[in-house]
Amino acid sequence: MGTRDYICRMQRAMQAYLAGEHGLRTVPSEHTGLFLDATTKVASIGVQVRHGLTTHGFAMNVTKEPLAWFDRVVACGLADVKAGCIELATGKAVHVDDVAESIIAAFGTMYGRDMERLKVESAGEVGEVIVALEEEALAAGDWPKSPATLPP
């Protein structure tokens, strides 16, 4: 599979997820990512390919919590575009944990793969890194929920 096909499948998997699980339709755009309308972006794609291996992937805005942060940046150089999210688009409470299983299933279907949960305790060096990162995040404590809560 080439890079272009990989990215197109990624976008189609996210579109299928949004339509199937939330009844949301995206609109075509000349920009990469998924747009709910010409100026509201709900998902971004950022892929790096090096030596045939991909890193990065996608980000989908699920809840409205991070939108105040996104309002402070010009994402992808698109000054007239704002971040949207599933929660606001549907008018229903949505949680990241609920989205994860379904979006993973959509990817498995799109790429023709069986998706399996990583067993961190038996994942060797990768598992050790994941555990260390999770411990570091927990030790860092709560993070500011909005830019307004940042110290001056």
N, C-alpha and C. Protein backbone atom coordinates (compact mmCIF):
# COMPACT_ATOMS: atom_id res chain seq x y z
N MET A 1 0.84 -1.17 0.00
CA MET A 1 0.00 0.00 0.00
C MET A 1 0.89 1.24 0.00
N GLY A 2 0.59 2.16 -0.87
CA GLY A 2 1.35 3.40 -0.94
C GLY A 2 0.91 4.40 0.12
N THR A 3 1.70 5.44 0.28
CA THR A 3 1.41 6.46 1.29
C THR A 3 0.07 7.13 1.04
N ARG A 4 -0.21 7.50 -0.20
CA ARG A 4 -1.46 8.18 -0.52
C ARG A 4 -2.67 7.30 -0.16
N ASP A 5 -2.60 6.03 -0.52
CA ASP A 5 -3.69 5.10 -0.20
C ASP A 5 -3.84 4.96 1.31
N TYR A 6 -2.72 4.88 2.02
CA TYR A 6 -2.74 4.76 3.47
C TYR A 6 -3.49 5.95 4.10
N ILE A 7 -3.16 7.15 3.66
CA ILE A 7 -3.79 8.36 4.20
C ILE A 7 -5.26 8.44 3.80
N CYS A 8 -5.57 8.10 2.55
CA CYS A 8 -6.97 8.12 2.10
C CYS A 8 -7.82 7.13 2.89
N ARG A 9 -7.27 5.95 3.15
CA ARG A 9 -8.01 4.97 3.96
C ARG A 9 -8.22 5.48 5.37
N MET A 10 -7.20 6.14 5.92
CA MET A 10 -7.32 6.70 7.26
C MET A 10 -8.48 7.70 7.29
N GLN A 11 -8.53 8.55 6.29
CA GLN A 11 -9.60 9.55 6.24
C GLN A 11 -10.96 8.87 6.07
N ARG A 12 -11.05 7.88 5.22
CA ARG A 12 -12.33 7.17 5.01
C ARG A 12 -12.76 6.41 6.28
N ALA A 13 -11.80 5.86 7.02
CA ALA A 13 -12.14 5.18 8.27
C ALA A 13 -12.76 6.16 9.26
N MET A 14 -12.19 7.35 9.37
CA MET A 14 -12.73 8.36 10.28
C MET A 14 -14.11 8.83 9.80
N GLN A 15 -14.27 9.01 8.49
CA GLN A 15 -15.58 9.40 7.95
C GLN A 15 -16.62 8.33 8.26
N ALA A 16 -16.27 7.06 8.05
CA ALA A 16 -17.20 5.97 8.33
C ALA A 16 -17.57 5.94 9.80
N TYR A 17 -16.60 6.16 10.67
CA TYR A 17 -16.86 6.20 12.10
C TYR A 17 -17.84 7.33 12.43
N LEU A 18 -17.55 8.54 11.97
CA LEU A 18 -18.40 9.69 12.29
C LEU A 18 -19.83 9.48 11.78
N ALA A 19 -19.96 8.95 10.58
CA ALA A 19 -21.29 8.72 10.01
C ALA A 19 -22.02 7.59 10.73
N GLY A 20 -21.33 6.48 10.94
CA GLY A 20 -21.96 5.31 11.54
C GLY A 20 -22.30 5.45 13.00
N GLU A 21 -21.41 6.04 13.76
CA GLU A 21 -21.61 6.14 15.21
C GLU A 21 -22.32 7.41 15.66
N HIS A 22 -22.18 8.49 14.87
CA HIS A 22 -22.71 9.79 15.32
C HIS A 22 -23.63 10.46 14.31
N GLY A 23 -23.80 9.85 13.15
CA GLY A 23 -24.66 10.46 12.14
C GLY A 23 -24.10 11.74 11.55
N LEU A 24 -22.78 11.94 11.66
CA LEU A 24 -22.15 13.15 11.16
C LEU A 24 -21.58 12.93 9.77
N ARG A 25 -21.84 13.84 8.88
CA ARG A 25 -21.29 13.80 7.53
C ARG A 25 -20.24 14.90 7.41
N THR A 26 -19.16 14.58 6.75
CA THR A 26 -18.12 15.58 6.52
C THR A 26 -18.29 16.15 5.12
N VAL A 27 -17.70 17.32 4.91
CA VAL A 27 -17.77 17.97 3.60
C VAL A 27 -16.39 17.91 2.95
N PRO A 28 -16.35 17.87 1.63
CA PRO A 28 -15.05 17.87 0.94
C PRO A 28 -14.28 19.16 1.22
N SER A 29 -12.98 19.04 1.24
CA SER A 29 -12.11 20.20 1.46
C SER A 29 -10.82 20.01 0.69
N GLU A 30 -10.23 21.10 0.29
CA GLU A 30 -8.92 21.02 -0.36
C GLU A 30 -7.81 20.75 0.66
N HIS A 31 -8.15 20.85 1.94
CA HIS A 31 -7.18 20.64 3.02
C HIS A 31 -7.30 19.23 3.57
N THR A 32 -6.20 18.73 4.12
CA THR A 32 -6.20 17.41 4.74
C THR A 32 -6.98 17.46 6.05
N GLY A 33 -7.70 16.40 6.33
CA GLY A 33 -8.48 16.31 7.55
C GLY A 33 -9.95 16.22 7.25
N LEU A 34 -10.75 16.24 8.30
CA LEU A 34 -12.20 16.13 8.15
C LEU A 34 -12.88 17.41 8.62
N PHE A 35 -13.75 17.92 7.78
CA PHE A 35 -14.45 19.16 8.05
C PHE A 35 -15.95 18.90 8.14
N LEU A 36 -16.59 19.51 9.15
CA LEU A 36 -18.04 19.40 9.29
C LEU A 36 -18.73 20.42 8.38
N ASP A 37 -18.05 21.52 8.13
CA ASP A 37 -18.46 22.52 7.15
C ASP A 37 -17.19 23.20 6.67
N ALA A 38 -17.29 24.19 5.84
CA ALA A 38 -16.10 24.79 5.22
C ALA A 38 -15.11 25.36 6.23
N THR A 39 -15.57 25.72 7.43
CA THR A 39 -14.67 26.35 8.39
C THR A 39 -14.58 25.63 9.74
N THR A 40 -15.11 24.41 9.84
CA THR A 40 -15.06 23.67 11.10
C THR A 40 -14.39 22.32 10.89
N LYS A 41 -13.20 22.20 11.46
CA LYS A 41 -12.40 20.97 11.30
C LYS A 41 -12.55 20.11 12.55
N VAL A 42 -12.94 18.85 12.35
CA VAL A 42 -13.16 17.95 13.48
C VAL A 42 -12.03 16.93 13.64
N ALA A 43 -11.24 16.73 12.58
CA ALA A 43 -10.15 15.74 12.67
C ALA A 43 -8.99 16.16 11.77
N SER A 44 -7.79 15.85 12.22
CA SER A 44 -6.57 16.16 11.47
C SER A 44 -5.78 14.88 11.21
N ILE A 45 -5.04 14.90 10.13
CA ILE A 45 -4.18 13.77 9.79
C ILE A 45 -2.77 14.30 9.63
N GLY A 46 -1.84 13.63 10.26
CA GLY A 46 -0.42 13.98 10.15
C GLY A 46 0.39 12.71 10.15
N VAL A 47 0.92 12.35 9.00
CA VAL A 47 1.64 11.09 8.87
C VAL A 47 3.06 11.36 8.38
N GLN A 48 4.00 10.68 9.00
CA GLN A 48 5.38 10.71 8.54
C GLN A 48 5.74 9.29 8.12
N VAL A 49 6.36 9.17 6.96
CA VAL A 49 6.80 7.86 6.50
C VAL A 49 8.32 7.91 6.35
N ARG A 50 8.98 7.01 7.02
CA ARG A 50 10.44 6.93 6.93
C ARG A 50 10.82 5.46 6.87
N HIS A 51 11.55 5.11 5.84
CA HIS A 51 11.99 3.73 5.63
C HIS A 51 10.80 2.75 5.63
N GLY A 52 9.68 3.21 5.06
CA GLY A 52 8.51 2.34 4.95
C GLY A 52 7.70 2.18 6.22
N LEU A 53 8.07 2.90 7.29
CA LEU A 53 7.33 2.84 8.55
C LEU A 53 6.64 4.18 8.79
N THR A 54 5.41 4.12 9.27
CA THR A 54 4.67 5.35 9.54
C THR A 54 4.72 5.69 11.02
N THR A 55 4.71 6.98 11.28
CA THR A 55 4.57 7.48 12.65
C THR A 55 3.49 8.57 12.60
N HIS A 56 3.07 8.98 13.70
CA HIS A 56 1.99 9.95 13.85
C HIS A 56 0.69 9.29 13.44
N GLY A 57 -0.23 9.99 12.89
CA GLY A 57 -1.51 9.39 12.53
C GLY A 57 -2.59 10.43 12.43
N PHE A 58 -3.55 10.38 13.35
CA PHE A 58 -4.67 11.30 13.27
C PHE A 58 -5.05 11.79 14.66
N ALA A 59 -5.82 12.86 14.67
CA ALA A 59 -6.40 13.38 15.90
C ALA A 59 -7.84 13.74 15.60
N MET A 60 -8.74 13.31 16.46
CA MET A 60 -10.16 13.64 16.29
C MET A 60 -10.61 14.35 17.55
N ASN A 61 -11.26 15.47 17.38
CA ASN A 61 -11.76 16.25 18.51
C ASN A 61 -13.08 15.64 18.98
N VAL A 62 -13.05 15.06 20.15
CA VAL A 62 -14.20 14.34 20.68
C VAL A 62 -15.04 15.26 21.56
N THR A 63 -14.43 15.84 22.59
CA THR A 63 -15.17 16.69 23.54
C THR A 63 -14.85 18.16 23.29
N LYS A 64 -15.63 19.01 23.92
CA LYS A 64 -15.42 20.44 23.74
C LYS A 64 -14.32 20.99 24.66
N GLU A 65 -13.86 20.20 25.61
CA GLU A 65 -12.87 20.67 26.58
C GLU A 65 -11.64 21.35 25.95
N PRO A 66 -11.01 20.75 24.92
CA PRO A 66 -9.79 21.39 24.40
C PRO A 66 -10.03 22.54 23.42
N LEU A 67 -11.27 22.84 23.08
CA LEU A 67 -11.51 23.85 22.05
C LEU A 67 -10.98 25.23 22.42
N ALA A 68 -11.03 25.59 23.70
CA ALA A 68 -10.48 26.89 24.13
C ALA A 68 -8.99 26.98 23.82
N TRP A 69 -8.29 25.85 23.92
CA TRP A 69 -6.87 25.83 23.57
C TRP A 69 -6.70 26.02 22.07
N PHE A 70 -7.51 25.30 21.30
CA PHE A 70 -7.39 25.38 19.84
C PHE A 70 -7.71 26.78 19.33
N ASP A 71 -8.55 27.52 20.04
CA ASP A 71 -8.88 28.89 19.63
C ASP A 71 -7.66 29.81 19.71
N ARG A 72 -6.63 29.40 20.40
CA ARG A 72 -5.44 30.23 20.58
C ARG A 72 -4.37 30.00 19.51
N VAL A 73 -4.59 29.06 18.62
CA VAL A 73 -3.60 28.76 17.58
C VAL A 73 -4.26 28.77 16.20
N VAL A 74 -3.44 28.99 15.20
CA VAL A 74 -3.89 28.87 13.81
C VAL A 74 -3.41 27.50 13.34
N ALA A 75 -4.30 26.53 13.45
CA ALA A 75 -3.95 25.15 13.12
C ALA A 75 -3.70 24.99 11.63
N CYS A 76 -2.63 24.33 11.31
CA CYS A 76 -2.29 24.00 9.92
C CYS A 76 -2.23 25.24 9.03
N GLY A 77 -2.04 26.41 9.63
CA GLY A 77 -1.95 27.64 8.84
C GLY A 77 -3.27 28.09 8.25
N LEU A 78 -4.38 27.58 8.74
CA LEU A 78 -5.71 27.90 8.20
C LEU A 78 -6.40 28.91 9.11
N ALA A 79 -6.16 30.19 8.84
CA ALA A 79 -6.66 31.26 9.72
C ALA A 79 -8.18 31.31 9.79
N ASP A 80 -8.87 30.90 8.76
CA ASP A 80 -10.34 30.99 8.75
C ASP A 80 -11.03 29.72 9.22
N VAL A 81 -10.25 28.76 9.73
CA VAL A 81 -10.81 27.49 10.18
C VAL A 81 -10.75 27.40 11.70
N LYS A 82 -11.84 26.91 12.30
CA LYS A 82 -11.86 26.70 13.75
C LYS A 82 -12.04 25.21 14.04
N ALA A 83 -11.65 24.82 15.22
CA ALA A 83 -11.81 23.42 15.62
C ALA A 83 -13.24 23.17 16.05
N GLY A 84 -13.76 22.04 15.61
CA GLY A 84 -15.07 21.57 16.07
C GLY A 84 -14.87 20.28 16.83
N CYS A 85 -15.95 19.70 17.31
CA CYS A 85 -15.84 18.43 18.02
C CYS A 85 -17.14 17.64 17.87
N ILE A 86 -17.04 16.36 18.11
CA ILE A 86 -18.20 15.48 18.01
C ILE A 86 -19.28 15.91 19.00
N GLU A 87 -18.87 16.25 20.21
CA GLU A 87 -19.82 16.60 21.26
C GLU A 87 -20.70 17.78 20.85
N LEU A 88 -20.11 18.85 20.33
CA LEU A 88 -20.89 20.01 19.91
C LEU A 88 -21.70 19.73 18.65
N ALA A 89 -21.12 18.97 17.73
CA ALA A 89 -21.82 18.69 16.47
C ALA A 89 -23.06 17.83 16.68
N THR A 90 -23.02 16.95 17.68
CA THR A 90 -24.17 16.07 17.92
C THR A 90 -25.09 16.60 19.01
N GLY A 91 -24.56 17.49 19.85
CA GLY A 91 -25.34 17.98 20.98
C GLY A 91 -25.48 16.95 22.09
N LYS A 92 -24.64 15.93 22.05
CA LYS A 92 -24.70 14.85 23.05
C LYS A 92 -23.35 14.71 23.75
N ALA A 93 -23.38 14.28 24.99
CA ALA A 93 -22.15 14.01 25.72
C ALA A 93 -21.44 12.82 25.08
N VAL A 94 -20.15 13.00 24.81
CA VAL A 94 -19.34 11.94 24.21
C VAL A 94 -18.06 11.86 25.02
N HIS A 95 -17.58 10.64 25.26
CA HIS A 95 -16.36 10.46 26.04
C HIS A 95 -15.30 9.75 25.19
N VAL A 96 -14.07 10.15 25.38
CA VAL A 96 -12.97 9.59 24.60
C VAL A 96 -12.93 8.07 24.72
N ASP A 97 -13.11 7.56 25.93
CA ASP A 97 -13.08 6.10 26.12
C ASP A 97 -14.12 5.39 25.26
N ASP A 98 -15.28 6.01 25.10
CA ASP A 98 -16.34 5.41 24.29
C ASP A 98 -15.99 5.42 22.81
N VAL A 99 -15.28 6.43 22.38
CA VAL A 99 -14.91 6.59 20.97
C VAL A 99 -13.82 5.60 20.57
N ALA A 100 -12.88 5.37 21.46
CA ALA A 100 -11.69 4.58 21.13
C ALA A 100 -12.01 3.22 20.52
N GLU A 101 -12.85 2.44 21.16
CA GLU A 101 -13.15 1.09 20.67
C GLU A 101 -13.74 1.12 19.26
N SER A 102 -14.68 2.04 19.03
CA SER A 102 -15.36 2.09 17.73
C SER A 102 -14.46 2.60 16.62
N ILE A 103 -13.62 3.57 16.92
CA ILE A 103 -12.73 4.09 15.87
C ILE A 103 -11.66 3.05 15.52
N ILE A 104 -11.22 2.31 16.52
CA ILE A 104 -10.25 1.23 16.27
C ILE A 104 -10.88 0.17 15.38
N ALA A 105 -12.13 -0.18 15.65
CA ALA A 105 -12.83 -1.15 14.81
C ALA A 105 -12.97 -0.64 13.38
N ALA A 106 -13.26 0.65 13.21
CA ALA A 106 -13.39 1.24 11.87
C ALA A 106 -12.07 1.15 11.11
N PHE A 107 -10.96 1.35 11.82
CA PHE A 107 -9.65 1.23 11.18
C PHE A 107 -9.37 -0.21 10.77
N GLY A 108 -9.68 -1.14 11.64
CA GLY A 108 -9.48 -2.54 11.31
C GLY A 108 -10.24 -2.93 10.06
N THR A 109 -11.47 -2.50 9.97
CA THR A 109 -12.29 -2.79 8.80
C THR A 109 -11.69 -2.15 7.55
N MET A 110 -11.32 -0.89 7.63
CA MET A 110 -10.81 -0.17 6.46
C MET A 110 -9.49 -0.76 5.95
N TYR A 111 -8.65 -1.20 6.87
CA TYR A 111 -7.34 -1.74 6.47
C TYR A 111 -7.35 -3.26 6.34
N GLY A 112 -8.49 -3.89 6.59
CA GLY A 112 -8.58 -5.34 6.47
C GLY A 112 -7.73 -6.06 7.49
N ARG A 113 -7.72 -5.55 8.72
CA ARG A 113 -6.88 -6.11 9.78
C ARG A 113 -7.71 -6.44 11.01
N ASP A 114 -7.28 -7.45 11.75
CA ASP A 114 -7.86 -7.74 13.05
C ASP A 114 -7.14 -6.86 14.06
N MET A 115 -7.90 -6.11 14.83
CA MET A 115 -7.31 -5.22 15.82
C MET A 115 -7.31 -5.92 17.16
N GLU A 116 -6.17 -5.90 17.85
CA GLU A 116 -6.05 -6.55 19.15
C GLU A 116 -5.51 -5.57 20.17
N ARG A 117 -6.04 -5.68 21.37
CA ARG A 117 -5.57 -4.82 22.46
C ARG A 117 -4.13 -5.19 22.83
N LEU A 118 -3.28 -4.21 22.97
CA LEU A 118 -1.89 -4.44 23.36
C LEU A 118 -1.86 -4.86 24.83
N LYS A 119 -1.21 -5.94 25.11
CA LYS A 119 -1.02 -6.39 26.49
C LYS A 119 0.31 -5.80 26.96
N VAL A 120 0.20 -4.68 27.64
CA VAL A 120 1.38 -3.91 28.02
C VAL A 120 2.36 -4.74 28.82
N GLU A 121 1.85 -5.58 29.71
CA GLU A 121 2.74 -6.36 30.58
C GLU A 121 3.58 -7.38 29.81
N SER A 122 3.17 -7.73 28.61
CA SER A 122 3.95 -8.69 27.83
C SER A 122 4.46 -8.08 26.51
N ALA A 123 4.54 -6.76 26.47
CA ALA A 123 4.96 -6.08 25.24
C ALA A 123 6.44 -5.70 25.24
N GLY A 124 7.19 -6.24 26.19
CA GLY A 124 8.63 -6.00 26.21
C GLY A 124 8.99 -4.54 26.39
N GLU A 125 9.97 -4.08 25.63
CA GLU A 125 10.48 -2.71 25.76
C GLU A 125 9.39 -1.68 25.47
N VAL A 126 8.55 -1.93 24.49
CA VAL A 126 7.46 -1.01 24.18
C VAL A 126 6.53 -0.87 25.39
N GLY A 127 6.17 -1.98 26.00
CA GLY A 127 5.32 -1.97 27.18
C GLY A 127 5.95 -1.19 28.34
N GLU A 128 7.26 -1.36 28.52
CA GLU A 128 7.96 -0.64 29.58
C GLU A 128 7.90 0.87 29.35
N VAL A 129 8.07 1.29 28.12
CA VAL A 129 8.01 2.71 27.79
C VAL A 129 6.61 3.25 28.04
N ILE A 130 5.60 2.50 27.66
CA ILE A 130 4.22 2.93 27.88
C ILE A 130 3.94 3.10 29.37
N VAL A 131 4.33 2.13 30.16
CA VAL A 131 4.12 2.20 31.61
C VAL A 131 4.86 3.42 32.19
N ALA A 132 6.08 3.65 31.77
CA ALA A 132 6.86 4.79 32.27
C ALA A 132 6.18 6.12 31.91
N LEU A 133 5.68 6.22 30.70
CA LEU A 133 4.99 7.45 30.29
C LEU A 133 3.71 7.66 31.07
N GLU A 134 2.96 6.60 31.30
CA GLU A 134 1.74 6.72 32.09
C GLU A 134 2.05 7.15 33.52
N GLU A 135 3.09 6.59 34.10
CA GLU A 135 3.48 6.96 35.46
C GLU A 135 3.92 8.42 35.52
N GLU A 136 4.65 8.86 34.50
CA GLU A 136 5.09 10.26 34.44
C GLU A 136 3.88 11.20 34.34
N ALA A 137 2.91 10.83 33.53
CA ALA A 137 1.71 11.66 33.38
C ALA A 137 0.94 11.75 34.69
N LEU A 138 0.80 10.64 35.39
CA LEU A 138 0.10 10.64 36.67
C LEU A 138 0.85 11.48 37.71
N ALA A 139 2.17 11.39 37.71
CA ALA A 139 2.98 12.15 38.67
C ALA A 139 2.91 13.66 38.40
N ALA A 140 2.67 14.05 37.15
CA ALA A 140 2.60 15.47 36.80
C ALA A 140 1.34 16.12 37.37
N GLY A 141 0.36 15.33 37.74
CA GLY A 141 -0.85 15.87 38.33
C GLY A 141 -1.80 16.45 37.29
N ASP A 142 -2.80 17.16 37.80
CA ASP A 142 -3.81 17.75 36.91
C ASP A 142 -3.19 18.82 36.03
N TRP A 143 -3.76 18.98 34.85
CA TRP A 143 -3.31 20.00 33.92
C TRP A 143 -4.40 21.06 33.83
N PRO A 144 -4.03 22.25 33.39
CA PRO A 144 -5.05 23.30 33.25
C PRO A 144 -6.13 22.85 32.26
N LYS A 145 -7.38 23.08 32.61
CA LYS A 145 -8.50 22.67 31.76
C LYS A 145 -8.80 23.69 30.67
N SER A 146 -8.32 24.92 30.84
CA SER A 146 -8.51 25.92 29.80
C SER A 146 -7.39 26.94 29.91
N PRO A 147 -7.15 27.70 28.84
CA PRO A 147 -6.09 28.72 28.90
C PRO A 147 -6.33 29.76 29.99
N ALA A 148 -7.57 29.99 30.35
CA ALA A 148 -7.87 30.98 31.38
C ALA A 148 -7.33 30.58 32.74
N THR A 149 -7.07 29.30 32.96
CA THR A 149 -6.59 28.83 34.26
C THR A 149 -5.06 28.83 34.35
N LEU A 150 -4.39 29.25 33.30
CA LEU A 150 -2.93 29.30 33.33
C LEU A 150 -2.45 30.45 34.21
N PRO A 151 -1.37 30.24 34.93
CA PRO A 151 -0.82 31.35 35.72
C PRO A 151 -0.27 32.43 34.78
N PRO A 152 -0.30 33.71 35.21
CA PRO A 152 0.20 34.79 34.34
C PRO A 152 1.68 34.69 34.06
